């Protein structure tokens, strides 16, 4: 389940980006009751994009901001309460790590669901049922 974190350089103090990724990863696992799951823990991956000031925009104008995107199987982040809890926690993690300098209005989030059967672990494309079975054993 990749998490993509895109930040305007400077919205988080230098060096806290890794902490943000670690906390977002833990939050995603916890939101699904998968903390410590041996199958999913190593398969929550992340990409960090740091963009220079002047390269991030809102309403067509330059803005310093943060964007969190998840790509998950369709059964993940499917429950409305889980969506609300995870994305609220993600925003709070970034706001806190910015020492309050990053306002909630400049944190955007979204989730993308993969087509059933296209989720790959260890070089194998798994259906939702196959993935669920693997997770249940972890």
N, C-alpha and C. Protein backbone atom coordinates (compact mmCIF):
# COMPACT_ATOMS: atom_id res chain seq x y z
N UNK A 1 0.85 -1.18 0.00
CA UNK A 1 0.00 0.00 0.00
C UNK A 1 0.89 1.23 0.00
N UNK A 2 1.23 1.74 -1.16
CA UNK A 2 2.10 2.92 -1.18
C UNK A 2 1.41 4.17 -0.65
N UNK A 3 2.18 4.92 0.08
CA UNK A 3 1.79 6.26 0.50
C UNK A 3 2.72 7.22 -0.22
N UNK A 4 2.15 8.22 -0.88
CA UNK A 4 2.97 9.25 -1.50
C UNK A 4 2.79 10.52 -0.69
N UNK A 5 3.89 11.04 -0.18
CA UNK A 5 3.88 12.29 0.56
C UNK A 5 4.64 13.31 -0.28
N UNK A 6 3.93 14.37 -0.66
CA UNK A 6 4.52 15.45 -1.43
C UNK A 6 4.50 16.70 -0.56
N UNK A 7 5.66 17.34 -0.46
CA UNK A 7 5.78 18.52 0.39
C UNK A 7 6.46 19.65 -0.36
N UNK A 8 6.05 20.86 -0.11
CA UNK A 8 6.83 22.01 -0.52
C UNK A 8 8.03 22.06 0.43
N UNK A 9 9.23 22.20 -0.13
CA UNK A 9 10.41 22.27 0.72
C UNK A 9 10.23 23.34 1.79
N UNK A 10 10.58 22.95 3.02
CA UNK A 10 10.52 23.89 4.13
C UNK A 10 9.26 23.84 4.96
N UNK A 11 8.20 23.13 4.50
CA UNK A 11 6.99 23.09 5.32
C UNK A 11 7.20 22.23 6.57
N UNK A 12 8.13 21.29 6.49
CA UNK A 12 8.55 20.53 7.67
C UNK A 12 10.01 20.85 7.93
N UNK A 13 10.40 20.91 9.19
CA UNK A 13 11.82 21.12 9.46
C UNK A 13 12.65 20.01 8.80
N UNK A 14 13.80 20.38 8.27
CA UNK A 14 14.68 19.42 7.62
C UNK A 14 14.94 18.23 8.53
N UNK A 15 14.82 17.05 7.97
CA UNK A 15 15.07 15.83 8.72
C UNK A 15 13.83 15.18 9.30
N UNK A 16 12.71 15.90 9.34
CA UNK A 16 11.49 15.31 9.91
C UNK A 16 10.65 14.57 8.87
N UNK A 17 11.07 14.64 7.60
CA UNK A 17 10.30 13.97 6.55
C UNK A 17 10.25 12.46 6.79
N UNK A 18 11.38 11.87 7.20
CA UNK A 18 11.40 10.43 7.49
C UNK A 18 10.46 10.09 8.64
N UNK A 19 10.43 10.95 9.64
CA UNK A 19 9.52 10.75 10.76
C UNK A 19 8.07 10.81 10.28
N UNK A 20 7.77 11.74 9.38
CA UNK A 20 6.42 11.85 8.83
C UNK A 20 6.03 10.56 8.12
N UNK A 21 6.93 10.02 7.30
CA UNK A 21 6.65 8.76 6.59
C UNK A 21 6.40 7.65 7.60
N UNK A 22 7.26 7.53 8.61
CA UNK A 22 7.10 6.47 9.62
C UNK A 22 5.76 6.60 10.34
N UNK A 23 5.39 7.81 10.72
CA UNK A 23 4.13 8.01 11.44
C UNK A 23 2.92 7.77 10.54
N UNK A 24 2.99 8.19 9.29
CA UNK A 24 1.89 7.93 8.36
C UNK A 24 1.72 6.43 8.13
N UNK A 25 2.84 5.72 8.02
CA UNK A 25 2.78 4.27 7.85
C UNK A 25 2.11 3.61 9.05
N UNK A 26 2.55 3.98 10.24
CA UNK A 26 1.94 3.40 11.46
C UNK A 26 0.45 3.73 11.53
N UNK A 27 0.08 4.95 11.15
CA UNK A 27 -1.32 5.36 11.21
C UNK A 27 -2.18 4.57 10.23
N UNK A 28 -1.65 4.32 9.03
CA UNK A 28 -2.41 3.55 8.05
C UNK A 28 -2.63 2.12 8.54
N UNK A 29 -1.58 1.51 9.05
CA UNK A 29 -1.71 0.15 9.59
C UNK A 29 -2.69 0.13 10.76
N UNK A 30 -2.54 1.05 11.69
CA UNK A 30 -3.40 1.08 12.88
C UNK A 30 -4.86 1.31 12.51
N UNK A 31 -5.11 2.14 11.51
CA UNK A 31 -6.49 2.44 11.14
C UNK A 31 -7.24 1.20 10.64
N UNK A 32 -6.48 0.19 10.24
CA UNK A 32 -7.08 -1.06 9.76
C UNK A 32 -6.87 -2.22 10.74
N UNK A 33 -6.37 -1.92 11.93
CA UNK A 33 -6.13 -2.96 12.92
C UNK A 33 -5.01 -3.90 12.50
N UNK A 34 -4.02 -3.40 11.75
CA UNK A 34 -2.95 -4.24 11.22
C UNK A 34 -1.58 -3.94 11.81
N UNK A 35 -1.55 -3.22 12.94
CA UNK A 35 -0.27 -2.95 13.59
C UNK A 35 0.43 -4.27 13.88
N UNK A 36 1.66 -4.39 13.41
CA UNK A 36 2.43 -5.60 13.66
C UNK A 36 2.14 -6.75 12.72
N UNK A 37 1.21 -6.58 11.78
CA UNK A 37 0.90 -7.66 10.84
C UNK A 37 2.13 -7.93 9.98
N UNK A 38 2.59 -9.18 9.97
CA UNK A 38 3.85 -9.51 9.29
C UNK A 38 3.74 -9.47 7.77
N UNK A 39 2.54 -9.53 7.23
CA UNK A 39 2.36 -9.43 5.78
C UNK A 39 2.28 -7.97 5.36
N UNK A 40 1.43 -7.20 6.02
CA UNK A 40 1.20 -5.82 5.56
C UNK A 40 2.27 -4.83 6.00
N UNK A 41 2.85 -5.01 7.17
CA UNK A 41 3.82 -4.02 7.64
C UNK A 41 4.92 -3.76 6.62
N UNK A 42 5.60 -4.78 6.08
CA UNK A 42 6.64 -4.47 5.11
C UNK A 42 6.11 -4.07 3.74
N UNK A 43 4.82 -4.21 3.53
CA UNK A 43 4.23 -3.88 2.24
C UNK A 43 3.50 -2.54 2.23
N UNK A 44 3.61 -1.79 3.31
CA UNK A 44 3.20 -0.39 3.28
C UNK A 44 4.47 0.38 2.95
N UNK A 45 4.54 0.82 1.71
CA UNK A 45 5.73 1.52 1.21
C UNK A 45 5.41 3.00 1.09
N UNK A 46 6.43 3.79 0.80
CA UNK A 46 6.19 5.23 0.70
C UNK A 46 7.14 5.87 -0.30
N UNK A 47 6.67 6.97 -0.85
CA UNK A 47 7.46 7.82 -1.74
C UNK A 47 7.39 9.23 -1.19
N UNK A 48 8.51 9.87 -1.11
CA UNK A 48 8.58 11.25 -0.63
C UNK A 48 9.00 12.14 -1.79
N UNK A 49 8.22 13.16 -2.04
CA UNK A 49 8.54 14.15 -3.08
C UNK A 49 8.68 15.51 -2.40
N UNK A 50 9.86 16.09 -2.48
CA UNK A 50 10.08 17.45 -1.97
C UNK A 50 10.18 18.37 -3.18
N UNK A 51 9.26 19.30 -3.26
CA UNK A 51 9.23 20.23 -4.39
C UNK A 51 9.69 21.61 -3.93
N UNK A 52 10.47 22.28 -4.76
CA UNK A 52 10.96 23.62 -4.39
C UNK A 52 9.80 24.60 -4.26
N UNK A 53 10.02 25.60 -3.41
CA UNK A 53 9.04 26.70 -3.33
C UNK A 53 8.82 27.24 -4.73
N UNK A 54 7.59 27.60 -5.01
CA UNK A 54 7.25 28.11 -6.33
C UNK A 54 6.83 27.02 -7.29
N UNK A 55 6.81 25.75 -6.83
CA UNK A 55 6.42 24.62 -7.69
C UNK A 55 5.18 23.91 -7.18
N UNK A 56 4.53 24.46 -6.15
CA UNK A 56 3.29 23.88 -5.62
C UNK A 56 2.22 24.96 -5.61
N UNK A 57 0.98 24.56 -5.95
CA UNK A 57 -0.05 25.55 -6.21
C UNK A 57 -1.40 25.15 -5.62
N UNK A 58 -2.19 26.15 -5.34
CA UNK A 58 -3.60 26.01 -4.97
C UNK A 58 -4.34 27.17 -5.63
N UNK A 59 -5.43 26.87 -6.29
CA UNK A 59 -6.21 27.90 -7.00
C UNK A 59 -5.35 28.67 -8.00
N UNK A 60 -4.33 27.99 -8.54
CA UNK A 60 -3.46 28.60 -9.53
C UNK A 60 -2.40 29.51 -8.97
N UNK A 61 -2.33 29.61 -7.65
CA UNK A 61 -1.35 30.49 -7.00
C UNK A 61 -0.36 29.64 -6.21
N UNK A 62 0.87 30.15 -6.09
CA UNK A 62 1.87 29.44 -5.31
C UNK A 62 1.38 29.26 -3.88
N UNK A 63 1.66 28.07 -3.34
CA UNK A 63 1.28 27.77 -1.97
C UNK A 63 2.30 26.80 -1.39
N UNK A 64 2.60 26.94 -0.12
CA UNK A 64 3.38 25.94 0.60
C UNK A 64 2.38 24.95 1.15
N UNK A 65 2.57 23.67 0.83
CA UNK A 65 1.58 22.70 1.26
C UNK A 65 2.13 21.30 1.38
N UNK A 66 1.20 20.40 1.70
CA UNK A 66 1.49 18.98 1.84
C UNK A 66 0.35 18.20 1.22
N UNK A 67 0.70 17.10 0.55
CA UNK A 67 -0.27 16.24 -0.09
C UNK A 67 0.03 14.81 0.30
N UNK A 68 -1.00 14.09 0.75
CA UNK A 68 -0.87 12.67 1.12
C UNK A 68 -1.80 11.89 0.21
N UNK A 69 -1.24 10.93 -0.51
CA UNK A 69 -2.05 10.06 -1.37
C UNK A 69 -1.75 8.61 -1.02
N UNK A 70 -2.80 7.82 -0.91
CA UNK A 70 -2.64 6.38 -0.68
C UNK A 70 -3.11 5.64 -1.91
N UNK A 71 -2.49 4.51 -2.17
CA UNK A 71 -2.95 3.58 -3.21
C UNK A 71 -3.12 2.25 -2.50
N UNK A 72 -4.35 1.77 -2.48
CA UNK A 72 -4.67 0.60 -1.68
C UNK A 72 -5.60 -0.34 -2.45
N UNK A 73 -5.70 -1.60 -1.98
CA UNK A 73 -6.74 -2.46 -2.51
C UNK A 73 -8.11 -1.84 -2.18
N UNK A 74 -9.12 -2.23 -2.92
CA UNK A 74 -10.43 -1.57 -2.76
C UNK A 74 -11.07 -1.79 -1.41
N UNK A 75 -10.63 -2.81 -0.66
CA UNK A 75 -11.23 -3.02 0.66
C UNK A 75 -10.56 -2.18 1.74
N UNK A 76 -9.40 -1.59 1.43
CA UNK A 76 -8.72 -0.72 2.39
C UNK A 76 -9.27 0.70 2.25
N UNK A 77 -9.33 1.40 3.33
CA UNK A 77 -9.88 2.76 3.35
C UNK A 77 -11.25 2.81 2.69
N UNK A 78 -12.02 1.74 2.84
CA UNK A 78 -13.36 1.68 2.26
C UNK A 78 -14.43 2.13 3.25
N UNK A 79 -14.17 1.96 4.54
CA UNK A 79 -15.12 2.34 5.58
C UNK A 79 -14.99 3.85 5.86
N UNK A 80 -16.11 4.55 5.91
CA UNK A 80 -16.09 6.01 6.07
C UNK A 80 -15.41 6.44 7.36
N UNK A 81 -15.63 5.72 8.44
CA UNK A 81 -14.99 6.08 9.72
C UNK A 81 -13.48 5.89 9.64
N UNK A 82 -13.04 4.86 8.96
CA UNK A 82 -11.60 4.63 8.78
C UNK A 82 -11.01 5.74 7.93
N UNK A 83 -11.69 6.12 6.86
CA UNK A 83 -11.22 7.22 6.01
C UNK A 83 -11.05 8.49 6.83
N UNK A 84 -12.11 8.84 7.57
CA UNK A 84 -12.07 10.07 8.35
C UNK A 84 -10.95 10.03 9.39
N UNK A 85 -10.82 8.91 10.08
CA UNK A 85 -9.81 8.80 11.14
C UNK A 85 -8.40 8.86 10.56
N UNK A 86 -8.14 8.08 9.50
CA UNK A 86 -6.77 8.06 8.96
C UNK A 86 -6.37 9.40 8.39
N UNK A 87 -7.22 10.00 7.54
CA UNK A 87 -6.82 11.24 6.90
C UNK A 87 -6.76 12.41 7.89
N UNK A 88 -7.59 12.39 8.94
CA UNK A 88 -7.48 13.40 9.99
C UNK A 88 -6.17 13.23 10.75
N UNK A 89 -5.81 11.98 11.03
CA UNK A 89 -4.54 11.74 11.72
C UNK A 89 -3.36 12.13 10.84
N UNK A 90 -3.44 11.83 9.55
CA UNK A 90 -2.36 12.21 8.62
C UNK A 90 -2.15 13.72 8.65
N UNK A 91 -3.24 14.47 8.59
CA UNK A 91 -3.14 15.93 8.63
C UNK A 91 -2.56 16.40 9.95
N UNK A 92 -2.97 15.78 11.04
CA UNK A 92 -2.46 16.16 12.36
C UNK A 92 -0.96 15.86 12.47
N UNK A 93 -0.52 14.73 11.94
CA UNK A 93 0.91 14.39 11.96
C UNK A 93 1.70 15.49 11.27
N UNK A 94 1.26 15.90 10.09
CA UNK A 94 1.99 16.92 9.33
C UNK A 94 1.92 18.28 10.01
N UNK A 95 0.77 18.63 10.55
CA UNK A 95 0.64 19.91 11.26
C UNK A 95 1.56 19.94 12.47
N UNK A 96 1.57 18.83 13.22
CA UNK A 96 2.41 18.75 14.43
C UNK A 96 3.89 18.81 14.07
N UNK A 97 4.30 18.03 13.06
CA UNK A 97 5.71 18.02 12.68
C UNK A 97 6.17 19.36 12.11
N UNK A 98 5.23 20.14 11.59
CA UNK A 98 5.59 21.47 11.08
C UNK A 98 5.68 22.50 12.21
N UNK A 99 5.46 22.03 13.43
CA UNK A 99 5.43 22.92 14.60
C UNK A 99 4.31 23.95 14.46
N UNK A 100 3.21 23.54 13.83
CA UNK A 100 2.05 24.40 13.68
C UNK A 100 2.13 25.40 12.54
N UNK A 101 3.24 25.40 11.81
CA UNK A 101 3.40 26.38 10.71
C UNK A 101 2.60 25.99 9.47
N UNK A 102 2.29 24.71 9.32
CA UNK A 102 1.53 24.25 8.16
C UNK A 102 0.05 24.18 8.55
N UNK A 103 -0.76 25.09 8.05
CA UNK A 103 -2.17 25.08 8.43
C UNK A 103 -2.92 23.91 7.79
N UNK A 104 -3.94 23.44 8.46
CA UNK A 104 -4.75 22.34 7.93
C UNK A 104 -5.28 22.66 6.53
N UNK A 105 -5.55 23.91 6.27
CA UNK A 105 -6.07 24.31 4.95
C UNK A 105 -5.06 24.10 3.84
N UNK A 106 -3.80 23.82 4.18
CA UNK A 106 -2.76 23.59 3.18
C UNK A 106 -2.27 22.14 3.20
N UNK A 107 -3.13 21.25 3.70
CA UNK A 107 -2.85 19.82 3.69
C UNK A 107 -3.98 19.15 2.92
N UNK A 108 -3.63 18.51 1.83
CA UNK A 108 -4.62 17.85 0.98
C UNK A 108 -4.36 16.35 0.98
N UNK A 109 -5.43 15.56 0.94
CA UNK A 109 -5.30 14.11 0.98
C UNK A 109 -6.23 13.47 -0.04
N UNK A 110 -5.86 12.28 -0.48
CA UNK A 110 -6.78 11.49 -1.29
C UNK A 110 -6.33 10.03 -1.29
N UNK A 111 -7.25 9.17 -1.64
CA UNK A 111 -6.96 7.74 -1.73
C UNK A 111 -7.38 7.21 -3.08
N UNK A 112 -6.57 6.35 -3.64
CA UNK A 112 -6.84 5.71 -4.92
C UNK A 112 -6.90 4.21 -4.68
N UNK A 113 -7.91 3.56 -5.24
CA UNK A 113 -8.06 2.11 -5.10
C UNK A 113 -7.57 1.39 -6.35
N UNK A 114 -6.85 0.30 -6.14
CA UNK A 114 -6.35 -0.54 -7.24
C UNK A 114 -7.47 -1.45 -7.74
N UNK A 115 -7.39 -1.82 -8.99
CA UNK A 115 -8.33 -2.77 -9.59
C UNK A 115 -8.08 -4.14 -8.96
N UNK A 116 -9.14 -4.84 -8.61
CA UNK A 116 -9.01 -6.17 -8.01
C UNK A 116 -8.18 -7.07 -8.92
N UNK A 117 -7.20 -7.73 -8.33
CA UNK A 117 -6.34 -8.63 -9.07
C UNK A 117 -5.02 -8.01 -9.48
N UNK A 118 -4.87 -6.71 -9.29
CA UNK A 118 -3.64 -6.04 -9.72
C UNK A 118 -2.71 -5.73 -8.56
N UNK A 119 -3.10 -6.08 -7.35
CA UNK A 119 -2.25 -5.77 -6.20
C UNK A 119 -1.13 -6.79 -6.14
N UNK A 120 0.11 -6.34 -6.19
CA UNK A 120 1.23 -7.27 -6.25
C UNK A 120 2.08 -7.27 -5.00
N UNK A 121 2.37 -8.45 -4.51
CA UNK A 121 3.31 -8.64 -3.41
C UNK A 121 4.31 -9.70 -3.86
N UNK A 122 5.57 -9.43 -3.67
CA UNK A 122 6.64 -10.38 -3.99
C UNK A 122 6.53 -10.89 -5.43
N UNK A 123 6.15 -10.01 -6.34
CA UNK A 123 6.10 -10.38 -7.74
C UNK A 123 4.88 -11.15 -8.18
N UNK A 124 3.88 -11.26 -7.31
CA UNK A 124 2.65 -11.98 -7.66
C UNK A 124 1.46 -11.03 -7.59
N UNK A 125 0.64 -11.03 -8.64
CA UNK A 125 -0.59 -10.24 -8.63
C UNK A 125 -1.64 -11.01 -7.85
N UNK A 126 -2.19 -10.36 -6.83
CA UNK A 126 -3.16 -11.01 -5.94
C UNK A 126 -4.53 -10.37 -6.08
N UNK A 127 -5.55 -11.20 -6.02
CA UNK A 127 -6.92 -10.68 -5.95
C UNK A 127 -7.16 -10.17 -4.53
N UNK A 128 -8.25 -9.46 -4.34
CA UNK A 128 -8.59 -9.01 -3.00
C UNK A 128 -8.72 -10.19 -2.05
N UNK A 129 -9.34 -11.28 -2.51
CA UNK A 129 -9.52 -12.46 -1.66
C UNK A 129 -8.17 -13.08 -1.29
N UNK A 130 -7.28 -13.18 -2.28
CA UNK A 130 -5.95 -13.74 -2.01
C UNK A 130 -5.15 -12.86 -1.07
N UNK A 131 -5.24 -11.56 -1.27
CA UNK A 131 -4.55 -10.63 -0.38
C UNK A 131 -5.13 -10.69 1.03
N UNK A 132 -6.45 -10.72 1.14
CA UNK A 132 -7.09 -10.83 2.45
C UNK A 132 -6.67 -12.10 3.16
N UNK A 133 -6.56 -13.20 2.42
CA UNK A 133 -6.12 -14.46 3.01
C UNK A 133 -4.70 -14.34 3.53
N UNK A 134 -3.81 -13.73 2.74
CA UNK A 134 -2.42 -13.56 3.16
C UNK A 134 -2.33 -12.69 4.41
N UNK A 135 -3.11 -11.60 4.42
CA UNK A 135 -3.09 -10.69 5.57
C UNK A 135 -3.58 -11.42 6.82
N UNK A 136 -4.60 -12.24 6.68
CA UNK A 136 -5.16 -12.94 7.86
C UNK A 136 -4.16 -13.89 8.49
N UNK A 137 -3.16 -14.31 7.74
CA UNK A 137 -2.14 -15.23 8.26
C UNK A 137 -0.99 -14.48 8.90
N UNK A 138 -0.95 -13.15 8.72
CA UNK A 138 0.17 -12.35 9.23
C UNK A 138 -0.07 -11.82 10.58
